[in-house]
Amino acid sequence: MKVYWIALYKKIDSQENIKKVSSTNHHVLFHKPVLLGENKIETKFKKIGKRVINIEGNIFSADGELAATLIHSASIIRSSEG
């Protein structure tokens, strides 16, 4: 999950006027067990709106099968809002 947070903050840093991010909702759907060891994580920023960022993350097991999906909605405060 550390990679997921690094991707989130890199994306936020690329947005010039985002001042703060407050996590509002995480929803995880496990399709199969996630085993210890090497797994692959892919993240997609689905939408960056005026007040909310929607992000989807997928965890793939070592054999390449989809193991879990994470949907994250984050509330954002822009510098123009105080």
PDB file of N, CA and C in Angstrom:
ATOM      1  N   MET A   1       0.808  -1.198   0.000  1.00  0.00           N
ATOM      2  CA  MET A   1       0.000   0.000   0.000  1.00  0.00           C
ATOM      3  C   MET A   1       0.854   1.267   0.000  1.00  0.00           C
ATOM      4  N   LYS A   2       2.107   1.140   0.425  1.00  0.00           N
ATOM      5  CA  LYS A   2       2.982   2.311   0.436  1.00  0.00           C
ATOM      6  C   LYS A   2       3.109   2.902  -0.968  1.00  0.00           C
ATOM      7  N   VAL A   3       3.216   2.052  -1.980  1.00  0.00           N
ATOM      8  CA  VAL A   3       3.327   2.513  -3.367  1.00  0.00           C
ATOM      9  C   VAL A   3       2.083   3.309  -3.759  1.00  0.00           C
ATOM     10  N   TYR A   4       0.921   2.861  -3.304  1.00  0.00           N
ATOM     11  CA  TYR A   4      -0.337   3.554  -3.592  1.00  0.00           C
ATOM     12  C   TYR A   4      -0.292   4.983  -3.053  1.00  0.00           C
ATOM     13  N   TRP A   5       0.142   5.148  -1.800  1.00  0.00           N
ATOM     14  CA  TRP A   5       0.189   6.485  -1.191  1.00  0.00           C
ATOM     15  C   TRP A   5       1.219   7.362  -1.874  1.00  0.00           C
ATOM     16  N   ILE A   6       2.349   6.797  -2.286  1.00  0.00           N
ATOM     17  CA  ILE A   6       3.361   7.576  -3.005  1.00  0.00           C
ATOM     18  C   ILE A   6       2.779   8.090  -4.318  1.00  0.00           C
ATOM     19  N   ALA A   7       2.054   7.236  -5.039  1.00  0.00           N
ATOM     20  CA  ALA A   7       1.425   7.656  -6.305  1.00  0.00           C
ATOM     21  C   ALA A   7       0.406   8.764  -6.063  1.00  0.00           C
ATOM     22  N   LEU A   8      -0.376   8.642  -4.994  1.00  0.00           N
ATOM     23  CA  LEU A   8      -1.380   9.658  -4.665  1.00  0.00           C
ATOM     24  C   LEU A   8      -0.715  11.008  -4.425  1.00  0.00           C
ATOM     25  N   TYR A   9       0.327  11.038  -3.593  1.00  0.00           N
ATOM     26  CA  TYR A   9       0.960  12.307  -3.261  1.00  0.00           C
ATOM     27  C   TYR A   9       1.743  12.898  -4.421  1.00  0.00           C
ATOM     28  N   LYS A  10       2.299  12.076  -5.296  1.00  0.00           N
ATOM     29  CA  LYS A  10       2.961  12.604  -6.495  1.00  0.00           C
ATOM     30  C   LYS A  10       1.938  13.284  -7.397  1.00  0.00           C
ATOM     31  N   LYS A  11       0.770  12.679  -7.530  1.00  0.00           N
ATOM     32  CA  LYS A  11      -0.280  13.261  -8.367  1.00  0.00           C
ATOM     33  C   LYS A  11      -0.761  14.580  -7.771  1.00  0.00           C
ATOM     34  N   ILE A  12      -0.924  14.605  -6.453  1.00  0.00           N
ATOM     35  CA  ILE A  12      -1.368  15.829  -5.785  1.00  0.00           C
ATOM     36  C   ILE A  12      -0.329  16.928  -5.943  1.00  0.00           C
ATOM     37  N   ASP A  13       0.959  16.593  -5.800  1.00  0.00           N
ATOM     38  CA  ASP A  13       2.016  17.581  -5.967  1.00  0.00           C
ATOM     39  C   ASP A  13       2.021  18.179  -7.363  1.00  0.00           C
ATOM     40  N   SER A  14       1.567  17.413  -8.352  1.00  0.00           N
ATOM     41  CA  SER A  14       1.536  17.928  -9.720  1.00  0.00           C
ATOM     42  C   SER A  14       0.371  18.893  -9.941  1.00  0.00           C
ATOM     43  N   GLN A  15      -0.574  18.908  -9.035  1.00  0.00           N
ATOM     44  CA  GLN A  15      -1.702  19.841  -9.103  1.00  0.00           C
ATOM     45  C   GLN A  15      -1.317  21.083  -8.299  1.00  0.00           C
ATOM     46  N   GLU A  16      -1.165  22.205  -8.944  1.00  0.00           N
ATOM     47  CA  GLU A  16      -0.592  23.387  -8.316  1.00  0.00           C
ATOM     48  C   GLU A  16      -1.395  23.944  -7.153  1.00  0.00           C
ATOM     49  N   ASN A  17      -2.701  23.898  -7.194  1.00  0.00           N
ATOM     50  CA  ASN A  17      -3.473  24.608  -6.180  1.00  0.00           C
ATOM     51  C   ASN A  17      -4.129  23.701  -5.141  1.00  0.00           C
ATOM     52  N   ILE A  18      -3.697  22.438  -5.010  1.00  0.00           N
ATOM     53  CA  ILE A  18      -4.235  21.572  -3.963  1.00  0.00           C
ATOM     54  C   ILE A  18      -3.410  21.787  -2.705  1.00  0.00           C
ATOM     55  N   LYS A  19      -4.089  22.209  -1.627  1.00  0.00           N
ATOM     56  CA  LYS A  19      -3.420  22.535  -0.376  1.00  0.00           C
ATOM     57  C   LYS A  19      -3.416  21.350   0.588  1.00  0.00           C
ATOM     58  N   LYS A  20      -4.561  20.676   0.741  1.00  0.00           N
ATOM     59  CA  LYS A  20      -4.704  19.564   1.684  1.00  0.00           C
ATOM     60  C   LYS A  20      -5.563  18.471   1.072  1.00  0.00           C
ATOM     61  N   VAL A  21      -5.357  17.255   1.560  1.00  0.00           N
ATOM     62  CA  VAL A  21      -6.195  16.125   1.172  1.00  0.00           C
ATOM     63  C   VAL A  21      -6.672  15.451   2.442  1.00  0.00           C
ATOM     64  N   SER A  22      -7.963  15.204   2.513  1.00  0.00           N
ATOM     65  CA  SER A  22      -8.546  14.520   3.657  1.00  0.00           C
ATOM     66  C   SER A  22      -9.193  13.241   3.153  1.00  0.00           C
ATOM     67  N   SER A  23      -8.769  12.116   3.675  1.00  0.00           N
ATOM     68  CA  SER A  23      -9.320  10.846   3.230  1.00  0.00           C
ATOM     69  C   SER A  23     -10.774  10.727   3.678  1.00  0.00           C
ATOM     70  N   THR A  24     -11.645  10.357   2.770  1.00  0.00           N
ATOM     71  CA  THR A  24     -13.060  10.267   3.105  1.00  0.00           C
ATOM     72  C   THR A  24     -13.610   8.854   3.041  1.00  0.00           C
ATOM     73  N   ASN A  25     -13.087   8.024   2.139  1.00  0.00           N
ATOM     74  CA  ASN A  25     -13.673   6.695   1.987  1.00  0.00           C
ATOM     75  C   ASN A  25     -12.702   5.756   1.284  1.00  0.00           C
ATOM     76  N   HIS A  26     -12.550   4.562   1.841  1.00  0.00           N
ATOM     77  CA  HIS A  26     -11.814   3.482   1.188  1.00  0.00           C
ATOM     78  C   HIS A  26     -12.754   2.279   1.103  1.00  0.00           C
ATOM     79  N   HIS A  27     -12.802   1.683  -0.045  1.00  0.00           N
ATOM     80  CA  HIS A  27     -13.602   0.465  -0.204  1.00  0.00           C
ATOM     81  C   HIS A  27     -12.708  -0.566  -0.885  1.00  0.00           C
ATOM     82  N   VAL A  28     -12.516  -1.717  -0.235  1.00  0.00           N
ATOM     83  CA  VAL A  28     -11.657  -2.764  -0.794  1.00  0.00           C
ATOM     84  C   VAL A  28     -12.495  -4.001  -1.073  1.00  0.00           C
ATOM     85  N   LEU A  29     -12.344  -4.523  -2.270  1.00  0.00           N
ATOM     86  CA  LEU A  29     -13.006  -5.764  -2.655  1.00  0.00           C
ATOM     87  C   LEU A  29     -11.910  -6.794  -2.937  1.00  0.00           C
ATOM     88  N   PHE A  30     -11.856  -7.837  -2.113  1.00  0.00           N
ATOM     89  CA  PHE A  30     -10.861  -8.895  -2.305  1.00  0.00           C
ATOM     90  C   PHE A  30     -11.451  -9.973  -3.214  1.00  0.00           C
ATOM     91  N   HIS A  31     -10.757 -10.254  -4.304  1.00  0.00           N
ATOM     92  CA  HIS A  31     -11.195 -11.271  -5.256  1.00  0.00           C
ATOM     93  C   HIS A  31     -10.600 -12.636  -4.919  1.00  0.00           C
ATOM     94  N   LYS A  32      -9.434 -12.618  -4.292  1.00  0.00           N
ATOM     95  CA  LYS A  32      -8.742 -13.829  -3.850  1.00  0.00           C
ATOM     96  C   LYS A  32      -7.745 -13.404  -2.781  1.00  0.00           C
ATOM     97  N   PRO A  33      -7.206 -14.321  -2.009  1.00  0.00           N
ATOM     98  CA  PRO A  33      -6.254 -13.939  -0.962  1.00  0.00           C
ATOM     99  C   PRO A  33      -5.019 -13.242  -1.537  1.00  0.00           C
ATOM    100  N   VAL A  34      -4.556 -12.227  -0.833  1.00  0.00           N
ATOM    101  CA  VAL A  34      -3.316 -11.545  -1.195  1.00  0.00           C
ATOM    102  C   VAL A  34      -2.227 -12.163  -0.329  1.00  0.00           C
ATOM    103  N   LEU A  35      -1.292 -12.835  -0.970  1.00  0.00           N
ATOM    104  CA  LEU A  35      -0.251 -13.547  -0.245  1.00  0.00           C
ATOM    105  C   LEU A  35       0.952 -12.651   0.009  1.00  0.00           C
ATOM    106  N   LEU A  36       1.692 -12.953   1.067  1.00  0.00           N
ATOM    107  CA  LEU A  36       2.939 -12.246   1.318  1.00  0.00           C
ATOM    108  C   LEU A  36       3.901 -12.540   0.178  1.00  0.00           C
ATOM    109  N   GLY A  37       4.726 -11.580  -0.125  1.00  0.00           N
ATOM    110  CA  GLY A  37       5.671 -11.756  -1.219  1.00  0.00           C
ATOM    111  C   GLY A  37       5.489 -10.641  -2.231  1.00  0.00           C
ATOM    112  N   GLU A  38       5.965 -10.858  -3.414  1.00  0.00           N
ATOM    113  CA  GLU A  38       5.917  -9.828  -4.442  1.00  0.00           C
ATOM    114  C   GLU A  38       4.552  -9.801  -5.118  1.00  0.00           C
ATOM    115  N   ASN A  39       3.924  -8.639  -5.060  1.00  0.00           N
ATOM    116  CA  ASN A  39       2.649  -8.393  -5.731  1.00  0.00           C
ATOM    117  C   ASN A  39       2.796  -7.107  -6.535  1.00  0.00           C
ATOM    118  N   LYS A  40       1.945  -6.912  -7.503  1.00  0.00           N
ATOM    119  CA  LYS A  40       1.993  -5.709  -8.341  1.00  0.00           C
ATOM    120  C   LYS A  40       0.781  -4.838  -8.026  1.00  0.00           C
ATOM    121  N   ILE A  41       1.010  -3.525  -7.913  1.00  0.00           N
ATOM    122  CA  ILE A  41      -0.075  -2.577  -7.652  1.00  0.00           C
ATOM    123  C   ILE A  41      -0.136  -1.588  -8.806  1.00  0.00           C
ATOM    124  N   GLU A  42      -1.337  -1.374  -9.339  1.00  0.00           N
ATOM    125  CA  GLU A  42      -1.560  -0.355 -10.368  1.00  0.00           C
ATOM    126  C   GLU A  42      -2.598   0.626  -9.840  1.00  0.00           C
ATOM    127  N   THR A  43      -2.364   1.914 -10.048  1.00  0.00           N
ATOM    128  CA  THR A  43      -3.332   2.923  -9.629  1.00  0.00           C
ATOM    129  C   THR A  43      -3.757   3.763 -10.822  1.00  0.00           C
ATOM    130  N   LYS A  44      -5.001   4.187 -10.805  1.00  0.00           N
ATOM    131  CA  LYS A  44      -5.544   5.069 -11.847  1.00  0.00           C
ATOM    132  C   LYS A  44      -6.310   6.190 -11.153  1.00  0.00           C
ATOM    133  N   PHE A  45      -6.042   7.407 -11.550  1.00  0.00           N
ATOM    134  CA  PHE A  45      -6.822   8.535 -11.059  1.00  0.00           C
ATOM    135  C   PHE A  45      -8.023   8.658 -11.987  1.00  0.00           C
ATOM    136  N   LYS A  46      -9.167   8.258 -11.494  1.00  0.00           N
ATOM    137  CA  LYS A  46     -10.379   8.213 -12.309  1.00  0.00           C
ATOM    138  C   LYS A  46     -10.905   9.617 -12.585  1.00  0.00           C
ATOM    139  N   LYS A  47     -10.863  10.477 -11.543  1.00  0.00           N
ATOM    140  CA  LYS A  47     -11.387  11.824 -11.722  1.00  0.00           C
ATOM    141  C   LYS A  47     -10.781  12.739 -10.670  1.00  0.00           C
ATOM    142  N   ILE A  48     -10.330  13.906 -11.088  1.00  0.00           N
ATOM    143  CA  ILE A  48      -9.913  14.944 -10.153  1.00  0.00           C
ATOM    144  C   ILE A  48     -10.877  16.102 -10.368  1.00  0.00           C
ATOM    145  N   GLY A  49     -11.807  16.230  -9.443  1.00  0.00           N
ATOM    146  CA  GLY A  49     -12.821  17.272  -9.544  1.00  0.00           C
ATOM    147  C   GLY A  49     -12.449  18.497  -8.715  1.00  0.00           C
ATOM    148  N   LYS A  50     -13.417  19.354  -8.514  1.00  0.00           N
ATOM    149  CA  LYS A  50     -13.182  20.572  -7.745  1.00  0.00           C
ATOM    150  C   LYS A  50     -12.966  20.262  -6.269  1.00  0.00           C
ATOM    151  N   ARG A  51     -13.693  19.275  -5.733  1.00  0.00           N
ATOM    152  CA  ARG A  51     -13.612  18.966  -4.303  1.00  0.00           C
ATOM    153  C   ARG A  51     -13.267  17.512  -3.974  1.00  0.00           C
ATOM    154  N   VAL A  52     -13.278  16.625  -4.961  1.00  0.00           N
ATOM    155  CA  VAL A  52     -13.051  15.203  -4.684  1.00  0.00           C
ATOM    156  C   VAL A  52     -12.115  14.593  -5.737  1.00  0.00           C
ATOM    157  N   ILE A  53     -11.215  13.722  -5.267  1.00  0.00           N
ATOM    158  CA  ILE A  53     -10.371  12.915  -6.158  1.00  0.00           C
ATOM    159  C   ILE A  53     -10.856  11.476  -6.028  1.00  0.00           C
ATOM    160  N   ASN A  54     -11.101  10.806  -7.149  1.00  0.00           N
ATOM    161  CA  ASN A  54     -11.483   9.389  -7.149  1.00  0.00           C
ATOM    162  C   ASN A  54     -10.337   8.579  -7.745  1.00  0.00           C
ATOM    163  N   ILE A  55      -9.900   7.568  -6.980  1.00  0.00           N
ATOM    164  CA  ILE A  55      -8.745   6.766  -7.357  1.00  0.00           C
ATOM    165  C   ILE A  55      -9.124   5.296  -7.297  1.00  0.00           C
ATOM    166  N   GLU A  56      -8.633   4.524  -8.262  1.00  0.00           N
ATOM    167  CA  GLU A  56      -8.831   3.078  -8.249  1.00  0.00           C
ATOM    168  C   GLU A  56      -7.457   2.416  -8.202  1.00  0.00           C
ATOM    169  N   GLY A  57      -7.310   1.456  -7.305  1.00  0.00           N
ATOM    170  CA  GLY A  57      -6.070   0.693  -7.219  1.00  0.00           C
ATOM    171  C   GLY A  57      -6.368  -0.787  -7.384  1.00  0.00           C
ATOM    172  N   ASN A  58      -5.501  -1.493  -8.080  1.00  0.00           N
ATOM    173  CA  ASN A  58      -5.643  -2.941  -8.262  1.00  0.00           C
ATOM    174  C   ASN A  58      -4.374  -3.623  -7.781  1.00  0.00           C
ATOM    175  N   ILE A  59      -4.544  -4.693  -7.009  1.00  0.00           N
ATOM    176  CA  ILE A  59      -3.413  -5.502  -6.566  1.00  0.00           C
ATOM    177  C   ILE A  59      -3.461  -6.815  -7.331  1.00  0.00           C
ATOM    178  N   PHE A  60      -2.344  -7.144  -7.971  1.00  0.00           N
ATOM    179  CA  PHE A  60      -2.222  -8.389  -8.724  1.00  0.00           C
ATOM    180  C   PHE A  60      -1.264  -9.315  -7.992  1.00  0.00           C
ATOM    181  N   SER A  61      -1.614 -10.578  -7.898  1.00  0.00           N
ATOM    182  CA  SER A  61      -0.750 -11.569  -7.245  1.00  0.00           C
ATOM    183  C   SER A  61       0.457 -11.868  -8.123  1.00  0.00           C
ATOM    184  N   ALA A  62       1.388 -12.639  -7.583  1.00  0.00           N
ATOM    185  CA  ALA A  62       2.617 -12.979  -8.317  1.00  0.00           C
ATOM    186  C   ALA A  62       2.319 -13.674  -9.644  1.00  0.00           C
ATOM    187  N   ASP A  63       1.203 -14.405  -9.725  1.00  0.00           N
ATOM    188  CA  ASP A  63       0.852 -15.084 -10.978  1.00  0.00           C
ATOM    189  C   ASP A  63       0.084 -14.181 -11.955  1.00  0.00           C
ATOM    190  N   GLY A  64      -0.075 -12.896 -11.589  1.00  0.00           N
ATOM    191  CA  GLY A  64      -0.705 -11.925 -12.477  1.00  0.00           C
ATOM    192  C   GLY A  64      -2.215 -11.824 -12.375  1.00  0.00           C
ATOM    193  N   GLU A  65      -2.825 -12.592 -11.482  1.00  0.00           N
ATOM    194  CA  GLU A  65      -4.283 -12.538 -11.327  1.00  0.00           C
ATOM    195  C   GLU A  65      -4.691 -11.388 -10.410  1.00  0.00           C
ATOM    196  N   LEU A  66      -5.820 -10.768 -10.727  1.00  0.00           N
ATOM    197  CA  LEU A  66      -6.342  -9.684  -9.908  1.00  0.00           C
ATOM    198  C   LEU A  66      -6.740 -10.235  -8.541  1.00  0.00           C
ATOM    199  N   ALA A  67      -6.141  -9.692  -7.481  1.00  0.00           N
ATOM    200  CA  ALA A  67      -6.398 -10.185  -6.130  1.00  0.00           C
ATOM    201  C   ALA A  67      -7.305  -9.243  -5.345  1.00  0.00           C
ATOM    202  N   ALA A  68      -7.200  -7.927  -5.574  1.00  0.00           N
ATOM    203  CA  ALA A  68      -8.020  -6.974  -4.827  1.00  0.00           C
ATOM    204  C   ALA A  68      -8.163  -5.680  -5.611  1.00  0.00           C
ATOM    205  N   THR A  69      -9.263  -5.000  -5.381  1.00  0.00           N
ATOM    206  CA  THR A  69      -9.528  -3.691  -5.975  1.00  0.00           C
ATOM    207  C   THR A  69      -9.845  -2.720  -4.853  1.00  0.00           C
ATOM    208  N   LEU A  70      -9.224  -1.544  -4.903  1.00  0.00           N
ATOM    209  CA  LEU A  70      -9.453  -0.501  -3.909  1.00  0.00           C
ATOM    210  C   LEU A  70     -10.044   0.717  -4.612  1.00  0.00           C
ATOM    211  N   ILE A  71     -11.123   1.226  -4.094  1.00  0.00           N
ATOM    212  CA  ILE A  71     -11.696   2.482  -4.570  1.00  0.00           C
ATOM    213  C   ILE A  71     -11.524   3.486  -3.435  1.00  0.00           C
ATOM    214  N   HIS A  72     -10.903   4.622  -3.729  1.00  0.00           N
ATOM    215  CA  HIS A  72     -10.622   5.633  -2.714  1.00  0.00           C
ATOM    216  C   HIS A  72     -11.159   6.970  -3.198  1.00  0.00           C
ATOM    217  N   SER A  73     -11.938   7.620  -2.345  1.00  0.00           N
ATOM    218  CA  SER A  73     -12.395   8.980  -2.599  1.00  0.00           C
ATOM    219  C   SER A  73     -11.758   9.877  -1.556  1.00  0.00           C
ATOM    220  N   ALA A  74     -11.106  10.937  -1.997  1.00  0.00           N
ATOM    221  CA  ALA A  74     -10.448  11.864  -1.080  1.00  0.00           C
ATOM    222  C   ALA A  74     -11.014  13.260  -1.280  1.00  0.00           C
ATOM    223  N   SER A  75     -11.322  13.901  -0.182  1.00  0.00           N
ATOM    224  CA  SER A  75     -11.783  15.279  -0.208  1.00  0.00           C
ATOM    225  C   SER A  75     -10.550  16.183  -0.314  1.00  0.00           C
ATOM    226  N   ILE A  76     -10.613  17.197  -1.174  1.00  0.00           N
ATOM    227  CA  ILE A  76      -9.460  18.084  -1.349  1.00  0.00           C
ATOM    228  C   ILE A  76      -9.827  19.528  -0.996  1.00  0.00           C
ATOM    229  N   ILE A  77      -8.849  20.235  -0.495  1.00  0.00           N
ATOM    230  CA  ILE A  77      -8.987  21.667  -0.208  1.00  0.00           C
ATOM    231  C   ILE A  77      -7.969  22.375  -1.080  1.00  0.00           C
ATOM    232  N   ARG A  78      -8.448  23.254  -1.886  1.00  0.00           N
ATOM    233  CA  ARG A  78      -7.571  24.007  -2.799  1.00  0.00           C
ATOM    234  C   ARG A  78      -7.095  25.294  -2.114  1.00  0.00           C
ATOM    235  N   SER A  79      -5.911  25.784  -2.514  1.00  0.00           N
ATOM    236  CA  SER A  79      -5.357  26.985  -1.890  1.00  0.00           C
ATOM    237  C   SER A  79      -6.248  28.202  -2.052  1.00  0.00           C
ATOM    238  N   SER A  80      -7.064  28.234  -3.074  1.00  0.00           N
ATOM    239  CA  SER A  80      -7.976  29.366  -3.285  1.00  0.00           C
ATOM    240  C   SER A  80      -9.143  29.367  -2.296  1.00  0.00           C
ATOM    241  N   GLU A  81      -9.305  28.250  -1.551  1.00  0.00           N
ATOM    242  CA  GLU A  81     -10.424  28.150  -0.607  1.00  0.00           C
ATOM    243  C   GLU A  81     -10.020  28.473   0.827  1.00  0.00           C
ATOM    244  N   GLY A  82      -8.768  28.776   1.065  1.00  0.00           N
ATOM    245  CA  GLY A  82      -8.360  29.147   2.420  1.00  0.00           C
ATOM    246  C   GLY A  82      -7.430  28.192   2.963  1.00  0.00           C
TER     247      GLY A  82
END
